[in-house]
All heavy atoms as atom14 arrays in JSON, in Angstrom:
{
  "sequence": "DGDAWMTASPPPGAGAPARKALRPWQWTVLGVVAGLLAAALGTAT",
  "atom14_mask": [
    [1, 1, 1, 1, 1, 1, 1, 1, 0, 0, 0, 0, 0, 0],
    [1, 1, 1, 1, 0, 0, 0, 0, 0, 0, 0, 0, 0, 0],
    [1, 1, 1, 1, 1, 1, 1, 1, 0, 0, 0, 0, 0, 0],
    [1, 1, 1, 1, 1, 0, 0, 0, 0, 0, 0, 0, 0, 0],
    [1, 1, 1, 1, 1, 1, 1, 1, 1, 1, 1, 1, 1, 1],
    [1, 1, 1, 1, 1, 1, 1, 1, 0, 0, 0, 0, 0, 0],
    [1, 1, 1, 1, 1, 1, 1, 0, 0, 0, 0, 0, 0, 0],
    [1, 1, 1, 1, 1, 0, 0, 0, 0, 0, 0, 0, 0, 0],
    [1, 1, 1, 1, 1, 1, 0, 0, 0, 0, 0, 0, 0, 0],
    [1, 1, 1, 1, 1, 1, 1, 0, 0, 0, 0, 0, 0, 0],
    [1, 1, 1, 1, 1, 1, 1, 0, 0, 0, 0, 0, 0, 0],
    [1, 1, 1, 1, 1, 1, 1, 0, 0, 0, 0, 0, 0, 0],
    [1, 1, 1, 1, 0, 0, 0, 0, 0, 0, 0, 0, 0, 0],
    [1, 1, 1, 1, 1, 0, 0, 0, 0, 0, 0, 0, 0, 0],
    [1, 1, 1, 1, 0, 0, 0, 0, 0, 0, 0, 0, 0, 0],
    [1, 1, 1, 1, 1, 0, 0, 0, 0, 0, 0, 0, 0, 0],
    [1, 1, 1, 1, 1, 1, 1, 0, 0, 0, 0, 0, 0, 0],
    [1, 1, 1, 1, 1, 0, 0, 0, 0, 0, 0, 0, 0, 0],
    [1, 1, 1, 1, 1, 1, 1, 1, 1, 1, 1, 0, 0, 0],
    [1, 1, 1, 1, 1, 1, 1, 1, 1, 0, 0, 0, 0, 0],
    [1, 1, 1, 1, 1, 0, 0, 0, 0, 0, 0, 0, 0, 0],
    [1, 1, 1, 1, 1, 1, 1, 1, 0, 0, 0, 0, 0, 0],
    [1, 1, 1, 1, 1, 1, 1, 1, 1, 1, 1, 0, 0, 0],
    [1, 1, 1, 1, 1, 1, 1, 0, 0, 0, 0, 0, 0, 0],
    [1, 1, 1, 1, 1, 1, 1, 1, 1, 1, 1, 1, 1, 1],
    [1, 1, 1, 1, 1, 1, 1, 1, 1, 0, 0, 0, 0, 0],
    [1, 1, 1, 1, 1, 1, 1, 1, 1, 1, 1, 1, 1, 1],
    [1, 1, 1, 1, 1, 1, 1, 0, 0, 0, 0, 0, 0, 0],
    [1, 1, 1, 1, 1, 1, 1, 0, 0, 0, 0, 0, 0, 0],
    [1, 1, 1, 1, 1, 1, 1, 1, 0, 0, 0, 0, 0, 0],
    [1, 1, 1, 1, 0, 0, 0, 0, 0, 0, 0, 0, 0, 0],
    [1, 1, 1, 1, 1, 1, 1, 0, 0, 0, 0, 0, 0, 0],
    [1, 1, 1, 1, 1, 1, 1, 0, 0, 0, 0, 0, 0, 0],
    [1, 1, 1, 1, 1, 0, 0, 0, 0, 0, 0, 0, 0, 0],
    [1, 1, 1, 1, 0, 0, 0, 0, 0, 0, 0, 0, 0, 0],
    [1, 1, 1, 1, 1, 1, 1, 1, 0, 0, 0, 0, 0, 0],
    [1, 1, 1, 1, 1, 1, 1, 1, 0, 0, 0, 0, 0, 0],
    [1, 1, 1, 1, 1, 0, 0, 0, 0, 0, 0, 0, 0, 0],
    [1, 1, 1, 1, 1, 0, 0, 0, 0, 0, 0, 0, 0, 0],
    [1, 1, 1, 1, 1, 0, 0, 0, 0, 0, 0, 0, 0, 0],
    [1, 1, 1, 1, 1, 1, 1, 1, 0, 0, 0, 0, 0, 0],
    [1, 1, 1, 1, 0, 0, 0, 0, 0, 0, 0, 0, 0, 0],
    [1, 1, 1, 1, 1, 1, 1, 0, 0, 0, 0, 0, 0, 0],
    [1, 1, 1, 1, 1, 0, 0, 0, 0, 0, 0, 0, 0, 0],
    [1, 1, 1, 1, 1, 1, 1, 0, 0, 0, 0, 0, 0, 0]
  ],
  "atom14_positions": [
    [[126.08, 153.27, 216.22], [125.94, 153.53, 217.65], [124.5, 153.58, 218.11], [124.22, 153.68, 219.28], [126.65, 154.82, 218.05], [126.21, 155.99, 217.19], [125.03, 155.99, 216.77], [127.02, 156.89, 216.95], [0.0, 0.0, 0.0], [0.0, 0.0, 0.0], [0.0, 0.0, 0.0], [0.0, 0.0, 0.0], [0.0, 0.0, 0.0], [0.0, 0.0, 0.0]],
    [[123.56, 153.57, 217.18], [122.16, 153.59, 217.56], [121.65, 154.93, 217.97], [120.45, 155.1, 218.19], [0.0, 0.0, 0.0], [0.0, 0.0, 0.0], [0.0, 0.0, 0.0], [0.0, 0.0, 0.0], [0.0, 0.0, 0.0], [0.0, 0.0, 0.0], [0.0, 0.0, 0.0], [0.0, 0.0, 0.0], [0.0, 0.0, 0.0], [0.0, 0.0, 0.0]],
    [[122.5, 155.94, 218.1], [122.07, 157.26, 218.52], [121.73, 158.16, 217.35], [121.23, 159.25, 217.54], [123.16, 157.95, 219.35], [123.32, 157.28, 220.69], [122.3, 157.1, 221.37], [124.45, 156.94, 221.05], [0.0, 0.0, 0.0], [0.0, 0.0, 0.0], [0.0, 0.0, 0.0], [0.0, 0.0, 0.0], [0.0, 0.0, 0.0], [0.0, 0.0, 0.0]],
    [[122.03, 157.72, 216.17], [121.78, 158.56, 215.0], [121.23, 157.7, 213.88], [121.4, 156.49, 213.85], [123.08, 159.23, 214.54], [0.0, 0.0, 0.0], [0.0, 0.0, 0.0], [0.0, 0.0, 0.0], [0.0, 0.0, 0.0], [0.0, 0.0, 0.0], [0.0, 0.0, 0.0], [0.0, 0.0, 0.0], [0.0, 0.0, 0.0], [0.0, 0.0, 0.0]],
    [[120.55, 158.31, 212.94], [120.19, 157.63, 211.72], [120.62, 158.51, 210.6], [120.79, 159.71, 210.74], [118.68, 157.35, 211.68], [117.84, 158.55, 211.87], [117.29, 159.0, 213.03], [117.46, 159.5, 210.88], [116.6, 160.16, 212.84], [116.68, 160.5, 211.52], [117.69, 159.61, 209.51], [116.15, 161.56, 210.84], [117.16, 160.7, 208.84], [116.4, 161.66, 209.51]],
    [[120.8, 157.94, 209.46], [121.23, 158.75, 208.34], [120.54, 158.3, 207.07], [120.12, 157.15, 206.96], [122.75, 158.67, 208.15], [123.31, 157.28, 207.95], [125.1, 157.3, 207.85], [125.44, 155.54, 207.78], [0.0, 0.0, 0.0], [0.0, 0.0, 0.0], [0.0, 0.0, 0.0], [0.0, 0.0, 0.0], [0.0, 0.0, 0.0], [0.0, 0.0, 0.0]],
    [[120.39, 159.2, 206.14], [119.84, 158.91, 204.84], [120.91, 159.23, 203.83], [121.1, 160.39, 203.47], [118.58, 159.76, 204.57], [117.67, 159.57, 205.65], [117.93, 159.36, 203.28], [0.0, 0.0, 0.0], [0.0, 0.0, 0.0], [0.0, 0.0, 0.0], [0.0, 0.0, 0.0], [0.0, 0.0, 0.0], [0.0, 0.0, 0.0], [0.0, 0.0, 0.0]],
    [[121.66, 158.24, 203.43], [122.76, 158.47, 202.51], [123.29, 157.13, 202.04], [123.65, 156.31, 202.85], [123.88, 159.26, 203.18], [0.0, 0.0, 0.0], [0.0, 0.0, 0.0], [0.0, 0.0, 0.0], [0.0, 0.0, 0.0], [0.0, 0.0, 0.0], [0.0, 0.0, 0.0], [0.0, 0.0, 0.0], [0.0, 0.0, 0.0], [0.0, 0.0, 0.0]],
    [[123.29, 156.93, 200.73], [123.86, 155.69, 200.23], [125.37, 155.75, 200.24], [126.02, 154.78, 200.63], [123.34, 155.38, 198.83], [123.56, 156.45, 197.96], [0.0, 0.0, 0.0], [0.0, 0.0, 0.0], [0.0, 0.0, 0.0], [0.0, 0.0, 0.0], [0.0, 0.0, 0.0], [0.0, 0.0, 0.0], [0.0, 0.0, 0.0], [0.0, 0.0, 0.0]],
    [[126.03, 156.86, 199.83], [127.49, 156.88, 199.9], [127.95, 157.12, 201.32], [127.51, 158.07, 201.96], [127.87, 158.06, 198.99], [126.7, 158.96, 199.03], [125.5, 158.08, 199.2], [0.0, 0.0, 0.0], [0.0, 0.0, 0.0], [0.0, 0.0, 0.0], [0.0, 0.0, 0.0], [0.0, 0.0, 0.0], [0.0, 0.0, 0.0], [0.0, 0.0, 0.0]],
    [[128.78, 156.27, 201.91], [129.26, 156.5, 203.27], [130.21, 157.69, 203.29], [130.65, 158.15, 202.24], [130.0, 155.2, 203.6], [130.42, 154.68, 202.27], [129.33, 155.06, 201.31], [0.0, 0.0, 0.0], [0.0, 0.0, 0.0], [0.0, 0.0, 0.0], [0.0, 0.0, 0.0], [0.0, 0.0, 0.0], [0.0, 0.0, 0.0], [0.0, 0.0, 0.0]],
    [[130.52, 158.23, 204.49], [131.45, 159.36, 204.57], [132.73, 159.05, 203.82], [133.36, 158.01, 204.02], [131.69, 159.5, 206.07], [130.45, 158.98, 206.69], [130.01, 157.85, 205.81], [0.0, 0.0, 0.0], [0.0, 0.0, 0.0], [0.0, 0.0, 0.0], [0.0, 0.0, 0.0], [0.0, 0.0, 0.0], [0.0, 0.0, 0.0], [0.0, 0.0, 0.0]],
    [[133.12, 159.93, 202.92], [134.35, 159.77, 202.17], [134.13, 159.21, 200.79], [135.01, 159.32, 199.93], [0.0, 0.0, 0.0], [0.0, 0.0, 0.0], [0.0, 0.0, 0.0], [0.0, 0.0, 0.0], [0.0, 0.0, 0.0], [0.0, 0.0, 0.0], [0.0, 0.0, 0.0], [0.0, 0.0, 0.0], [0.0, 0.0, 0.0], [0.0, 0.0, 0.0]],
    [[132.93, 158.59, 200.52], [132.71, 158.04, 199.2], [132.62, 159.15, 198.19], [132.04, 160.19, 198.44], [131.41, 157.22, 199.19], [0.0, 0.0, 0.0], [0.0, 0.0, 0.0], [0.0, 0.0, 0.0], [0.0, 0.0, 0.0], [0.0, 0.0, 0.0], [0.0, 0.0, 0.0], [0.0, 0.0, 0.0], [0.0, 0.0, 0.0], [0.0, 0.0, 0.0]],
    [[133.19, 158.93, 197.04], [133.13, 159.93, 195.98], [134.14, 161.02, 196.17], [134.1, 162.03, 195.48], [0.0, 0.0, 0.0], [0.0, 0.0, 0.0], [0.0, 0.0, 0.0], [0.0, 0.0, 0.0], [0.0, 0.0, 0.0], [0.0, 0.0, 0.0], [0.0, 0.0, 0.0], [0.0, 0.0, 0.0], [0.0, 0.0, 0.0], [0.0, 0.0, 0.0]],
    [[135.1, 160.88, 197.12], [136.09, 161.92, 197.34], [137.08, 161.95, 196.19], [137.42, 160.91, 195.62], [136.83, 161.66, 198.64], [0.0, 0.0, 0.0], [0.0, 0.0, 0.0], [0.0, 0.0, 0.0], [0.0, 0.0, 0.0], [0.0, 0.0, 0.0], [0.0, 0.0, 0.0], [0.0, 0.0, 0.0], [0.0, 0.0, 0.0], [0.0, 0.0, 0.0]],
    [[137.55, 163.1, 195.8], [138.51, 163.17, 194.71], [139.82, 162.5, 195.12], [140.26, 162.54, 196.25], [138.69, 164.68, 194.51], [138.31, 165.3, 195.82], [137.23, 164.43, 196.36], [0.0, 0.0, 0.0], [0.0, 0.0, 0.0], [0.0, 0.0, 0.0], [0.0, 0.0, 0.0], [0.0, 0.0, 0.0], [0.0, 0.0, 0.0], [0.0, 0.0, 0.0]],
    [[140.45, 161.85, 194.14], [141.71, 161.17, 194.4], [142.79, 162.17, 194.75], [142.85, 163.26, 194.21], [142.13, 160.37, 193.16], [0.0, 0.0, 0.0], [0.0, 0.0, 0.0], [0.0, 0.0, 0.0], [0.0, 0.0, 0.0], [0.0, 0.0, 0.0], [0.0, 0.0, 0.0], [0.0, 0.0, 0.0], [0.0, 0.0, 0.0], [0.0, 0.0, 0.0]],
    [[143.67, 161.79, 195.69], [144.77, 162.66, 196.1], [146.1, 161.96, 195.82], [146.2, 160.74, 195.88], [144.67, 163.01, 197.58], [143.41, 163.8, 197.92], [143.32, 164.02, 199.42], [142.08, 164.68, 199.76], [142.02, 165.85, 200.38], [143.12, 166.5, 200.69], [140.85, 166.38, 200.69], [0.0, 0.0, 0.0], [0.0, 0.0, 0.0], [0.0, 0.0, 0.0]],
    [[147.11, 162.71, 195.58], [148.44, 162.16, 195.3], [149.0, 161.53, 196.58], [149.01, 162.14, 197.63], [149.36, 163.26, 194.81], [150.72, 162.75, 194.35], [151.56, 163.91, 193.81], [152.92, 163.41, 193.37], [153.74, 164.51, 192.83], [0.0, 0.0, 0.0], [0.0, 0.0, 0.0], [0.0, 0.0, 0.0], [0.0, 0.0, 0.0], [0.0, 0.0, 0.0]],
    [[149.44, 160.25, 196.46], [149.96, 159.54, 197.62], [151.33, 160.07, 198.03], [152.09, 160.58, 197.2], [150.07, 158.04, 197.31], [0.0, 0.0, 0.0], [0.0, 0.0, 0.0], [0.0, 0.0, 0.0], [0.0, 0.0, 0.0], [0.0, 0.0, 0.0], [0.0, 0.0, 0.0], [0.0, 0.0, 0.0], [0.0, 0.0, 0.0], [0.0, 0.0, 0.0]],
    [[151.63, 159.95, 199.33], [152.95, 160.35, 199.82], [154.01, 159.36, 199.34], [153.77, 158.16, 199.2], [152.95, 160.4, 201.35], [152.09, 161.49, 202.01], [152.18, 161.35, 203.52], [152.52, 162.86, 201.56], [0.0, 0.0, 0.0], [0.0, 0.0, 0.0], [0.0, 0.0, 0.0], [0.0, 0.0, 0.0], [0.0, 0.0, 0.0], [0.0, 0.0, 0.0]],
    [[155.2, 159.88, 199.13], [156.32, 159.01, 198.73], [156.79, 158.19, 199.94], [156.6, 158.6, 201.09], [157.48, 159.86, 198.21], [157.1, 160.66, 196.95], [158.27, 161.5, 196.49], [157.92, 162.28, 195.34], [157.98, 161.83, 194.08], [158.38, 160.58, 193.85], [157.64, 162.59, 193.07], [0.0, 0.0, 0.0], [0.0, 0.0, 0.0], [0.0, 0.0, 0.0]],
    [[157.4, 157.02, 199.69], [157.87, 156.17, 200.81], [158.78, 156.9, 201.77], [158.66, 156.73, 203.0], [158.58, 155.04, 200.09], [157.9, 154.96, 198.75], [157.58, 156.38, 198.38], [0.0, 0.0, 0.0], [0.0, 0.0, 0.0], [0.0, 0.0, 0.0], [0.0, 0.0, 0.0], [0.0, 0.0, 0.0], [0.0, 0.0, 0.0], [0.0, 0.0, 0.0]],
    [[159.69, 157.71, 201.29], [160.62, 158.39, 202.2], [159.88, 159.39, 203.09], [160.27, 159.64, 204.23], [161.76, 159.06, 201.42], [161.32, 160.25, 200.57], [160.98, 160.24, 199.28], [161.21, 161.61, 201.01], [160.65, 161.49, 198.85], [160.8, 162.36, 199.9], [161.44, 162.27, 202.24], [160.58, 163.73, 199.97], [161.22, 163.65, 202.3], [160.8, 164.34, 201.17]],
    [[158.76, 159.97, 202.54], [157.98, 160.91, 203.35], [157.31, 160.18, 204.52], [157.24, 160.68, 205.63], [156.94, 161.61, 202.47], [157.57, 162.57, 201.45], [156.53, 163.16, 200.51], [155.73, 162.44, 199.94], [156.56, 164.48, 200.37], [0.0, 0.0, 0.0], [0.0, 0.0, 0.0], [0.0, 0.0, 0.0], [0.0, 0.0, 0.0], [0.0, 0.0, 0.0]],
    [[156.78, 158.96, 204.25], [156.17, 158.19, 205.32], [157.21, 157.81, 206.37], [156.93, 157.76, 207.56], [155.54, 156.91, 204.74], [154.17, 157.15, 204.17], [153.8, 157.12, 202.87], [152.99, 157.44, 204.91], [152.48, 157.4, 202.75], [151.94, 157.59, 204.0], [152.73, 157.6, 206.28], [150.65, 157.89, 204.37], [151.44, 157.9, 206.67], [150.42, 158.05, 205.73]],
    [[158.42, 157.53, 205.91], [159.49, 157.17, 206.86], [159.78, 158.32, 207.8], [159.9, 158.16, 209.02], [160.76, 156.79, 206.09], [160.48, 155.68, 205.23], [161.88, 156.41, 207.05], [0.0, 0.0, 0.0], [0.0, 0.0, 0.0], [0.0, 0.0, 0.0], [0.0, 0.0, 0.0], [0.0, 0.0, 0.0], [0.0, 0.0, 0.0], [0.0, 0.0, 0.0]],
    [[159.92, 159.52, 207.24], [160.19, 160.7, 208.06], [159.06, 160.92, 209.06], [159.28, 161.19, 210.25], [160.4, 161.93, 207.17], [160.47, 163.19, 208.03], [161.67, 161.77, 206.34], [0.0, 0.0, 0.0], [0.0, 0.0, 0.0], [0.0, 0.0, 0.0], [0.0, 0.0, 0.0], [0.0, 0.0, 0.0], [0.0, 0.0, 0.0], [0.0, 0.0, 0.0]],
    [[157.81, 160.83, 208.57], [156.66, 161.05, 209.46], [156.63, 160.0, 210.56], [156.28, 160.29, 211.71], [155.37, 161.01, 208.65], [155.12, 162.2, 207.72], [153.88, 161.97, 206.88], [154.96, 163.47, 208.55], [0.0, 0.0, 0.0], [0.0, 0.0, 0.0], [0.0, 0.0, 0.0], [0.0, 0.0, 0.0], [0.0, 0.0, 0.0], [0.0, 0.0, 0.0]],
    [[156.97, 158.75, 210.23], [156.97, 157.71, 211.25], [158.0, 157.98, 212.33], [157.76, 157.76, 213.51], [0.0, 0.0, 0.0], [0.0, 0.0, 0.0], [0.0, 0.0, 0.0], [0.0, 0.0, 0.0], [0.0, 0.0, 0.0], [0.0, 0.0, 0.0], [0.0, 0.0, 0.0], [0.0, 0.0, 0.0], [0.0, 0.0, 0.0], [0.0, 0.0, 0.0]],
    [[159.2, 158.45, 211.92], [160.24, 158.78, 212.91], [159.77, 159.9, 213.81], [159.93, 159.86, 215.04], [161.54, 159.15, 212.18], [162.55, 159.71, 213.18], [162.12, 157.96, 211.44], [0.0, 0.0, 0.0], [0.0, 0.0, 0.0], [0.0, 0.0, 0.0], [0.0, 0.0, 0.0], [0.0, 0.0, 0.0], [0.0, 0.0, 0.0], [0.0, 0.0, 0.0]],
    [[159.21, 160.94, 213.22], [158.72, 162.07, 214.01], [157.65, 161.61, 214.98], [157.62, 162.0, 216.16], [158.18, 163.18, 213.09], [157.5, 164.27, 213.91], [159.31, 163.75, 212.24], [0.0, 0.0, 0.0], [0.0, 0.0, 0.0], [0.0, 0.0, 0.0], [0.0, 0.0, 0.0], [0.0, 0.0, 0.0], [0.0, 0.0, 0.0], [0.0, 0.0, 0.0]],
    [[156.73, 160.76, 214.52], [155.67, 160.26, 215.4], [156.25, 159.46, 216.56], [155.81, 159.56, 217.7], [154.69, 159.4, 214.6], [0.0, 0.0, 0.0], [0.0, 0.0, 0.0], [0.0, 0.0, 0.0], [0.0, 0.0, 0.0], [0.0, 0.0, 0.0], [0.0, 0.0, 0.0], [0.0, 0.0, 0.0], [0.0, 0.0, 0.0], [0.0, 0.0, 0.0]],
    [[157.27, 158.64, 216.26], [157.88, 157.86, 217.32], [158.55, 158.73, 218.36], [158.48, 158.47, 219.56], [0.0, 0.0, 0.0], [0.0, 0.0, 0.0], [0.0, 0.0, 0.0], [0.0, 0.0, 0.0], [0.0, 0.0, 0.0], [0.0, 0.0, 0.0], [0.0, 0.0, 0.0], [0.0, 0.0, 0.0], [0.0, 0.0, 0.0], [0.0, 0.0, 0.0]],
    [[159.26, 159.77, 217.92], [159.91, 160.68, 218.86], [158.87, 161.39, 219.74], [159.07, 161.55, 220.94], [160.74, 161.71, 218.09], [161.97, 161.13, 217.35], [162.62, 162.23, 216.5], [162.98, 160.58, 218.35], [0.0, 0.0, 0.0], [0.0, 0.0, 0.0], [0.0, 0.0, 0.0], [0.0, 0.0, 0.0], [0.0, 0.0, 0.0], [0.0, 0.0, 0.0]],
    [[157.76, 161.83, 219.13], [156.72, 162.52, 219.91], [156.09, 161.56, 220.91], [155.83, 161.93, 222.07], [155.64, 163.06, 218.97], [156.03, 164.27, 218.12], [154.91, 164.62, 217.14], [156.33, 165.46, 219.01], [0.0, 0.0, 0.0], [0.0, 0.0, 0.0], [0.0, 0.0, 0.0], [0.0, 0.0, 0.0], [0.0, 0.0, 0.0], [0.0, 0.0, 0.0]],
    [[155.85, 160.34, 220.49], [155.24, 159.37, 221.4], [156.16, 159.08, 222.58], [155.74, 158.96, 223.72], [154.9, 158.09, 220.65], [0.0, 0.0, 0.0], [0.0, 0.0, 0.0], [0.0, 0.0, 0.0], [0.0, 0.0, 0.0], [0.0, 0.0, 0.0], [0.0, 0.0, 0.0], [0.0, 0.0, 0.0], [0.0, 0.0, 0.0], [0.0, 0.0, 0.0]],
    [[157.46, 158.94, 222.29], [158.42, 158.67, 223.37], [158.49, 159.83, 224.34], [158.58, 159.66, 225.56], [159.8, 158.39, 222.77], [0.0, 0.0, 0.0], [0.0, 0.0, 0.0], [0.0, 0.0, 0.0], [0.0, 0.0, 0.0], [0.0, 0.0, 0.0], [0.0, 0.0, 0.0], [0.0, 0.0, 0.0], [0.0, 0.0, 0.0], [0.0, 0.0, 0.0]],
    [[158.47, 161.04, 223.81], [158.54, 162.22, 224.67], [157.33, 162.32, 225.57], [157.4, 162.77, 226.7], [158.69, 163.47, 223.81], [0.0, 0.0, 0.0], [0.0, 0.0, 0.0], [0.0, 0.0, 0.0], [0.0, 0.0, 0.0], [0.0, 0.0, 0.0], [0.0, 0.0, 0.0], [0.0, 0.0, 0.0], [0.0, 0.0, 0.0], [0.0, 0.0, 0.0]],
    [[156.18, 161.9, 225.07], [154.94, 162.01, 225.85], [154.68, 160.78, 226.69], [153.72, 160.74, 227.47], [153.74, 162.24, 224.91], [153.76, 163.55, 224.11], [152.61, 163.57, 223.1], [153.65, 164.74, 225.05], [0.0, 0.0, 0.0], [0.0, 0.0, 0.0], [0.0, 0.0, 0.0], [0.0, 0.0, 0.0], [0.0, 0.0, 0.0], [0.0, 0.0, 0.0]],
    [[155.52, 159.78, 226.55], [155.34, 158.57, 227.35], [154.18, 157.74, 226.87], [153.57, 157.02, 227.67], [0.0, 0.0, 0.0], [0.0, 0.0, 0.0], [0.0, 0.0, 0.0], [0.0, 0.0, 0.0], [0.0, 0.0, 0.0], [0.0, 0.0, 0.0], [0.0, 0.0, 0.0], [0.0, 0.0, 0.0], [0.0, 0.0, 0.0], [0.0, 0.0, 0.0]],
    [[153.82, 157.82, 225.62], [152.7, 157.06, 225.08], [153.21, 156.06, 224.07], [154.34, 156.12, 223.61], [151.69, 158.0, 224.39], [152.35, 158.69, 223.33], [151.12, 159.01, 225.37], [0.0, 0.0, 0.0], [0.0, 0.0, 0.0], [0.0, 0.0, 0.0], [0.0, 0.0, 0.0], [0.0, 0.0, 0.0], [0.0, 0.0, 0.0], [0.0, 0.0, 0.0]],
    [[152.31, 155.16, 223.68], [152.7, 154.11, 222.74], [152.87, 154.69, 221.35], [152.21, 155.64, 220.95], [151.63, 153.03, 222.72], [0.0, 0.0, 0.0], [0.0, 0.0, 0.0], [0.0, 0.0, 0.0], [0.0, 0.0, 0.0], [0.0, 0.0, 0.0], [0.0, 0.0, 0.0], [0.0, 0.0, 0.0], [0.0, 0.0, 0.0], [0.0, 0.0, 0.0]],
    [[153.79, 154.09, 220.6], [153.99, 154.51, 219.22], [152.8, 154.03, 218.38], [152.28, 152.95, 218.58], [155.28, 153.89, 218.64], [156.36, 154.3, 219.47], [155.52, 154.32, 217.21], [0.0, 0.0, 0.0], [0.0, 0.0, 0.0], [0.0, 0.0, 0.0], [0.0, 0.0, 0.0], [0.0, 0.0, 0.0], [0.0, 0.0, 0.0], [0.0, 0.0, 0.0]]
  ]
}
């Protein structure tokens, strides 16, 4: 953005410890919940 400068070779998030990925069914549930919330608020999914 030109408004900041930084001194850091690793970008934000580099070197973060690995985390256990969500299972497919968990993503499905979260997607449904997100869709319901978006519909209720009149916003895009």
